[in-house]
Amino acid sequence: MNEQAIRVAAFLAATLPAFIYLAYFAVYTRQRVITHNIGTAFSFGACIAFPIVVLVWLVKTTIGMPDSTPLGHALSEAYLAAAVPEELAKFLTMQVLLRSHISATQLPPTQTIILSIAVSCGFAGLENVFYVIESDDWGSIAILRSLSAVPGHAFTGAIMGYCIAKSTEKNKPSLWFLLALVIPITLHGAYNFPLEAAEAAVSSTINVEYSTLFLIAVLTEGVLAHYLLSRHATGKHFQQDDTAVPASKIIETAVSHPSLWLGLTAACVGTSILVLTNTITPENRIDEEFLPVFAVFSLFHAAAFLVLVHRIRATPSA
């Protein structure tokens, strides 16, 4: 494979997962949203990724992160260098979108959730490009991040969007507005901390403990996001908005077709087999030691896609 083809493959491997998870949640929520609004939110999310990466790099190279102890340094890296700036940027982006670029007449509160997911997926897509393109081991990096980092951003985006939507109600709006920032930051930092702590650990036993924490953190994000989205689908304040007709019926039909998600289910099962048989061997020590966790993630993704297929088939055609 020539160099140009490799670059194209790496770029697609970095960006496609973001579109897949955005499509997944768009179908899962059964929310009809104007395609232009989703594109705007996704683009804004991607646009803020680069300045945030640059800002964090400048802070780390000029001021540095507190590193009194290995665990203290891991916490600083997890929260100050990742969770706080990234989730704050996405939160502020949502506020800009809701107040300036998307008309309130086009955007009932229920659609805030999928737009928040779009912002997060846009951010995750461009961030993923940085990680994948700069790595010689881009194939393994792309696969493993598509099972953890990219869906992790989508999960926190769903939670943020739900809280922002709830803040538009009369019941404790200030509390929900605050939770829209606090919960994603907490969960995002909990995701990053085991990875950062494992980097400093020398004992394989300790890394088993950190990999367990990593598994718990990602599953907590995923379960909470799906739980809130289920409340969105059934709650009296979160009803389907049939007035928002997608701009592209072709896109809606394509992402709602069961064969797409059945294919992705098979891909996830195949990935878990490749991981467990050590066919995928990442160069990064932490990624290699966390491989069993990534296999579990892959199987959970397969299960989620199968559930989505069931939901699609159980939904009457419009």
Protein backbone atom coordinates (compact mmCIF):
# COMPACT_ATOMS: atom_id res chain seq x y z
CA MET A 1 0.00 0.00 0.00
CA ASN A 2 1.49 3.34 -1.03
CA GLU A 3 1.91 6.23 1.37
CA GLN A 4 -1.07 8.20 0.05
CA ALA A 5 -3.39 5.22 0.42
CA ILE A 6 -2.13 4.66 3.96
CA ARG A 7 -2.89 8.28 4.86
CA VAL A 8 -6.41 8.02 3.45
CA ALA A 9 -6.99 4.75 5.31
CA ALA A 10 -5.71 6.25 8.56
CA PHE A 11 -7.90 9.33 8.15
CA LEU A 12 -11.00 7.21 7.50
CA ALA A 13 -10.14 4.95 10.44
CA ALA A 14 -9.91 8.03 12.65
CA THR A 15 -13.11 9.77 11.54
CA LEU A 16 -15.61 7.04 10.64
CA PRO A 17 -16.23 5.93 14.27
CA ALA A 18 -17.48 9.44 15.13
CA PHE A 19 -20.06 9.29 12.33
CA ILE A 20 -21.06 5.75 13.30
CA TYR A 21 -21.77 6.65 16.92
CA LEU A 22 -23.61 9.81 15.90
CA ALA A 23 -25.80 7.71 13.59
CA TYR A 24 -26.28 5.13 16.33
CA PHE A 25 -27.62 7.65 18.83
CA ALA A 26 -29.69 9.45 16.21
CA VAL A 27 -31.47 6.18 15.48
CA TYR A 28 -31.55 5.10 19.12
CA THR A 29 -33.28 8.27 20.29
CA ARG A 30 -35.83 8.02 17.46
CA GLN A 31 -35.55 11.79 17.24
CA ARG A 32 -36.13 13.42 13.88
CA VAL A 33 -33.69 16.30 13.66
CA ILE A 34 -32.96 18.58 10.73
CA THR A 35 -29.78 17.28 9.10
CA HIS A 36 -28.37 20.81 8.73
CA ASN A 37 -28.55 21.28 12.50
CA ILE A 38 -26.67 18.05 13.11
CA GLY A 39 -24.04 19.06 10.57
CA THR A 40 -23.64 22.45 12.21
CA ALA A 41 -23.23 20.91 15.67
CA PHE A 42 -20.78 18.27 14.40
CA SER A 43 -18.71 20.93 12.61
CA PHE A 44 -18.60 23.17 15.67
CA GLY A 45 -17.46 20.22 17.79
CA ALA A 46 -14.67 19.44 15.33
CA CYS A 47 -13.61 23.09 15.15
CA ILE A 48 -13.05 23.40 18.88
CA ALA A 49 -10.91 20.26 19.12
CA PHE A 50 -7.78 21.77 17.58
CA PRO A 51 -7.57 24.92 19.75
CA ILE A 52 -8.22 22.85 22.87
CA VAL A 53 -5.41 20.44 21.99
CA VAL A 54 -3.07 23.37 21.33
CA LEU A 55 -4.11 25.15 24.54
CA VAL A 56 -3.53 22.08 26.70
CA TRP A 57 -0.16 21.48 25.03
CA LEU A 58 0.89 25.08 25.73
CA VAL A 59 -0.16 24.84 29.37
CA LYS A 60 1.67 21.54 29.85
CA THR A 61 4.87 22.77 28.20
CA THR A 62 4.96 26.20 29.85
CA ILE A 63 3.27 25.87 33.25
CA GLY A 64 3.23 22.10 33.61
CA MET A 65 0.91 19.84 35.55
CA PRO A 66 1.11 19.32 39.34
CA ASP A 67 3.10 16.15 39.94
CA SER A 68 3.78 15.88 43.68
CA THR A 69 2.96 12.16 43.55
CA PRO A 70 2.35 9.74 40.67
CA LEU A 71 -1.36 9.57 41.51
CA GLY A 72 -1.55 13.34 41.87
CA HIS A 73 0.06 13.74 38.48
CA ALA A 74 -2.39 11.20 37.00
CA LEU A 75 -5.33 13.15 38.43
CA SER A 76 -3.96 16.40 37.02
CA GLU A 77 -3.51 14.88 33.59
CA ALA A 78 -6.94 13.26 33.68
CA TYR A 79 -8.89 16.31 34.81
CA LEU A 80 -6.88 19.49 34.22
CA ALA A 81 -5.37 18.40 30.90
CA ALA A 82 -8.36 16.53 29.50
CA ALA A 83 -11.74 16.40 31.23
CA VAL A 84 -12.12 20.04 32.31
CA PRO A 85 -10.98 21.84 29.14
CA GLU A 86 -12.64 19.40 26.74
CA GLU A 87 -16.03 19.18 28.46
CA LEU A 88 -16.05 22.92 29.19
CA ALA A 89 -15.35 23.61 25.51
CA LYS A 90 -18.20 21.34 24.42
CA PHE A 91 -20.53 22.89 26.99
CA LEU A 92 -19.73 26.42 25.81
CA THR A 93 -20.12 25.32 22.21
CA MET A 94 -23.62 24.06 22.99
CA GLN A 95 -24.49 27.40 24.56
CA VAL A 96 -23.28 29.26 21.46
CA LEU A 97 -25.27 26.95 19.19
CA LEU A 98 -28.45 27.23 21.23
CA ARG A 99 -28.28 31.01 21.46
CA SER A 100 -26.90 32.05 18.09
CA HIS A 101 -26.71 29.55 15.29
CA ILE A 102 -29.76 27.31 15.65
CA SER A 103 -33.19 28.91 15.76
CA ALA A 104 -35.29 28.11 18.81
CA THR A 105 -38.23 27.54 16.51
CA GLN A 106 -36.28 24.75 14.83
CA LEU A 107 -34.97 23.24 18.05
CA PRO A 108 -37.40 22.03 20.70
CA PRO A 109 -35.66 21.08 23.98
CA THR A 110 -35.87 17.38 23.15
CA GLN A 111 -33.51 17.79 20.19
CA THR A 112 -30.80 19.29 22.39
CA ILE A 113 -29.68 15.78 23.28
CA ILE A 114 -28.80 14.60 19.79
CA LEU A 115 -27.16 17.95 18.97
CA SER A 116 -24.99 17.66 22.08
CA ILE A 117 -23.99 14.19 20.92
CA ALA A 118 -23.17 15.66 17.50
CA VAL A 119 -20.89 18.28 19.10
CA SER A 120 -19.11 15.56 21.09
CA CYS A 121 -18.74 13.27 18.08
CA GLY A 122 -17.31 16.12 16.02
CA PHE A 123 -14.80 16.82 18.77
CA ALA A 124 -13.95 13.11 19.10
CA GLY A 125 -13.50 12.74 15.33
CA LEU A 126 -10.89 15.45 14.98
CA GLU A 127 -9.18 14.52 18.25
CA ASN A 128 -8.96 10.97 16.95
CA VAL A 129 -7.24 12.22 13.81
CA PHE A 130 -4.43 13.68 15.94
CA TYR A 131 -3.89 10.37 17.76
CA VAL A 132 -4.15 8.14 14.71
CA ILE A 133 -2.22 10.15 12.12
CA GLU A 134 0.80 10.76 14.35
CA SER A 135 1.17 7.08 15.30
CA ASP A 136 3.09 4.48 13.31
CA ASP A 137 0.75 1.95 14.87
CA TRP A 138 -2.30 3.82 13.54
CA GLY A 139 -4.36 0.70 12.84
CA SER A 140 -4.34 -0.55 16.43
CA ILE A 141 -4.81 2.96 17.79
CA ALA A 142 -7.82 3.56 15.54
CA ILE A 143 -9.48 0.27 16.53
CA LEU A 144 -8.93 0.64 20.27
CA ARG A 145 -9.97 4.31 20.40
CA SER A 146 -13.09 3.52 18.37
CA LEU A 147 -14.08 1.17 21.20
CA SER A 148 -13.40 3.55 24.06
CA ALA A 149 -12.53 7.23 23.49
CA VAL A 150 -14.97 7.97 20.67
CA PRO A 151 -18.04 6.37 22.30
CA GLY A 152 -16.90 7.89 25.61
CA HIS A 153 -17.24 11.36 24.10
CA ALA A 154 -20.65 10.42 22.69
CA PHE A 155 -21.77 9.15 26.11
CA THR A 156 -20.78 12.36 27.92
CA GLY A 157 -22.39 14.34 25.10
CA ALA A 158 -25.67 12.50 25.61
CA ILE A 159 -25.55 13.16 29.35
CA MET A 160 -24.71 16.82 28.82
CA GLY A 161 -27.52 17.23 26.30
CA TYR A 162 -30.05 15.60 28.59
CA CYS A 163 -29.12 17.89 31.48
CA ILE A 164 -29.21 20.99 29.27
CA ALA A 165 -32.64 19.97 28.00
CA LYS A 166 -33.86 19.44 31.57
CA SER A 167 -32.54 22.90 32.51
CA THR A 168 -35.14 24.43 30.20
CA GLU A 169 -37.91 23.15 32.48
CA LYS A 170 -39.22 24.92 35.56
CA ASN A 171 -38.05 22.20 37.98
CA LYS A 172 -34.58 23.14 39.32
CA PRO A 173 -33.19 24.58 36.06
CA SER A 174 -30.02 25.93 37.71
CA LEU A 175 -29.18 22.52 39.16
CA TRP A 176 -29.59 20.77 35.81
CA PHE A 177 -27.53 23.48 34.11
CA LEU A 178 -24.71 22.84 36.59
CA LEU A 179 -25.00 19.06 36.26
CA ALA A 180 -24.65 19.42 32.48
CA LEU A 181 -21.03 20.37 33.13
CA VAL A 182 -20.19 18.57 36.39
CA ILE A 183 -21.31 15.05 35.42
CA PRO A 184 -19.48 14.91 32.07
CA ILE A 185 -16.29 16.32 33.63
CA THR A 186 -16.43 13.77 36.47
CA LEU A 187 -17.01 10.81 34.16
CA HIS A 188 -14.47 11.98 31.58
CA GLY A 189 -11.81 12.32 34.26
CA ALA A 190 -12.72 8.91 35.68
CA TYR A 191 -12.14 7.49 32.19
CA ASN A 192 -8.72 9.12 31.79
CA PHE A 193 -7.40 8.56 35.32
CA PRO A 194 -6.78 4.77 35.11
CA LEU A 195 -4.89 5.24 31.84
CA GLU A 196 -2.70 7.99 33.27
CA ALA A 197 -2.12 6.10 36.54
CA ALA A 198 -1.22 2.91 34.68
CA GLU A 199 1.45 4.81 32.76
CA ALA A 200 3.26 5.47 36.05
CA ALA A 201 2.71 2.00 37.47
CA VAL A 202 5.40 -0.66 37.23
CA SER A 203 3.53 -3.58 38.77
CA SER A 204 1.34 -5.66 36.46
CA THR A 205 -0.98 -6.29 39.43
CA ILE A 206 -1.59 -2.57 39.78
CA ASN A 207 -2.33 -2.32 36.09
CA VAL A 208 -4.95 -5.05 36.42
CA GLU A 209 -6.63 -2.88 39.05
CA TYR A 210 -6.43 0.19 36.81
CA SER A 211 -7.80 -1.73 33.83
CA THR A 212 -10.74 -2.77 36.02
CA LEU A 213 -11.34 0.87 36.96
CA PHE A 214 -11.13 1.79 33.29
CA LEU A 215 -13.75 -0.84 32.45
CA ILE A 216 -16.06 0.40 35.20
CA ALA A 217 -15.66 4.04 34.13
CA VAL A 218 -16.55 3.40 30.48
CA LEU A 219 -19.46 1.10 31.33
CA THR A 220 -20.79 3.68 33.80
CA GLU A 221 -20.72 6.34 31.08
CA GLY A 222 -22.48 4.05 28.64
CA VAL A 223 -25.14 2.77 31.02
CA LEU A 224 -25.97 6.26 32.32
CA ALA A 225 -26.16 7.69 28.80
CA HIS A 226 -28.52 4.94 27.64
CA TYR A 227 -30.62 5.22 30.80
CA LEU A 228 -31.11 8.95 30.31
CA LEU A 229 -31.87 8.46 26.63
CA SER A 230 -34.50 5.89 27.59
CA ARG A 231 -36.04 8.48 29.93
CA HIS A 232 -35.93 10.89 27.02
CA ALA A 233 -37.88 8.46 24.88
CA THR A 234 -40.59 7.77 27.48
CA GLY A 235 -40.79 10.89 29.64
CA LYS A 236 -43.73 13.22 29.27
CA HIS A 237 -41.40 16.20 28.77
CA PHE A 238 -39.42 14.44 26.04
CA GLN A 239 -41.87 13.56 23.33
CA GLN A 240 -41.07 12.93 19.69
CA ASP A 241 -41.14 16.08 17.60
CA ASP A 242 -42.71 15.13 14.29
CA THR A 243 -42.44 18.65 12.89
CA ALA A 244 -38.66 18.38 12.47
CA VAL A 245 -38.33 16.67 9.12
CA PRO A 246 -34.80 15.53 8.22
CA ALA A 247 -33.27 17.36 5.28
CA SER A 248 -32.16 14.08 3.71
CA LYS A 249 -34.52 11.12 3.62
CA ILE A 250 -31.73 9.08 2.02
CA ILE A 251 -29.47 9.53 5.06
CA GLU A 252 -32.29 8.72 7.47
CA THR A 253 -33.15 5.53 5.56
CA ALA A 254 -29.53 4.41 5.32
CA VAL A 255 -28.69 4.75 9.00
CA SER A 256 -32.00 3.17 10.01
CA HIS A 257 -31.45 0.02 7.94
CA PRO A 258 -30.85 -3.11 10.08
CA SER A 259 -28.18 -4.47 7.73
CA LEU A 260 -25.83 -1.59 8.62
CA TRP A 261 -25.97 -2.38 12.31
CA LEU A 262 -25.83 -6.14 11.77
CA GLY A 263 -22.64 -5.60 9.80
CA LEU A 264 -21.18 -3.49 12.60
CA THR A 265 -22.22 -6.17 15.11
CA ALA A 266 -20.25 -8.76 13.15
CA ALA A 267 -17.29 -6.36 12.95
CA CYS A 268 -17.32 -5.87 16.74
CA VAL A 269 -17.46 -9.61 17.41
CA GLY A 270 -14.61 -10.12 14.96
CA THR A 271 -12.61 -7.37 16.66
CA SER A 272 -13.05 -8.97 20.07
CA ILE A 273 -11.75 -12.27 18.64
CA LEU A 274 -8.74 -10.52 17.11
CA VAL A 275 -8.01 -8.81 20.43
CA LEU A 276 -8.34 -11.97 22.52
CA THR A 277 -6.14 -13.98 20.15
CA ASN A 278 -3.45 -11.27 20.25
CA THR A 279 -3.81 -10.64 16.52
CA ILE A 280 -4.01 -6.96 17.41
CA THR A 281 -0.77 -6.10 19.21
CA PRO A 282 -0.51 -2.38 19.99
CA GLU A 283 2.93 -0.89 20.51
CA ASN A 284 1.78 1.13 23.52
CA ARG A 285 2.37 -0.82 26.76
CA ILE A 286 -0.84 0.33 28.42
CA ASP A 287 -3.00 -0.49 25.42
CA GLU A 288 -1.46 -3.96 25.33
CA GLU A 289 -2.08 -4.60 29.02
CA PHE A 290 -5.66 -3.32 28.72
CA LEU A 291 -6.48 -5.55 25.72
CA PRO A 292 -8.96 -7.79 27.62
CA VAL A 293 -10.92 -4.67 28.56
CA PHE A 294 -11.09 -3.59 24.94
CA ALA A 295 -12.40 -7.05 24.02
CA VAL A 296 -15.20 -6.58 26.56
CA PHE A 297 -15.97 -3.14 25.09
CA SER A 298 -16.20 -4.68 21.63
CA LEU A 299 -18.71 -7.29 22.80
CA PHE A 300 -20.78 -4.63 24.56
CA HIS A 301 -20.85 -2.61 21.33
CA ALA A 302 -22.00 -5.71 19.47
CA ALA A 303 -24.81 -6.20 22.00
CA ALA A 304 -25.83 -2.54 21.74
CA PHE A 305 -25.99 -2.73 17.96
CA LEU A 306 -28.13 -5.88 18.15
CA VAL A 307 -30.53 -4.13 20.52
CA LEU A 308 -30.71 -1.26 18.05
CA VAL A 309 -31.59 -3.71 15.26
CA HIS A 310 -34.42 -5.02 17.42
CA ARG A 311 -35.65 -1.47 18.09
CA ILE A 312 -35.57 -0.66 14.37
CA ARG A 313 -37.51 -3.79 13.44
CA ALA A 314 -40.03 -3.21 16.23
CA THR A 315 -40.70 0.37 15.11
CA PRO A 316 -43.56 0.67 12.60
CA SER A 317 -42.56 2.22 9.30
CA ALA A 318 -43.66 5.82 8.84
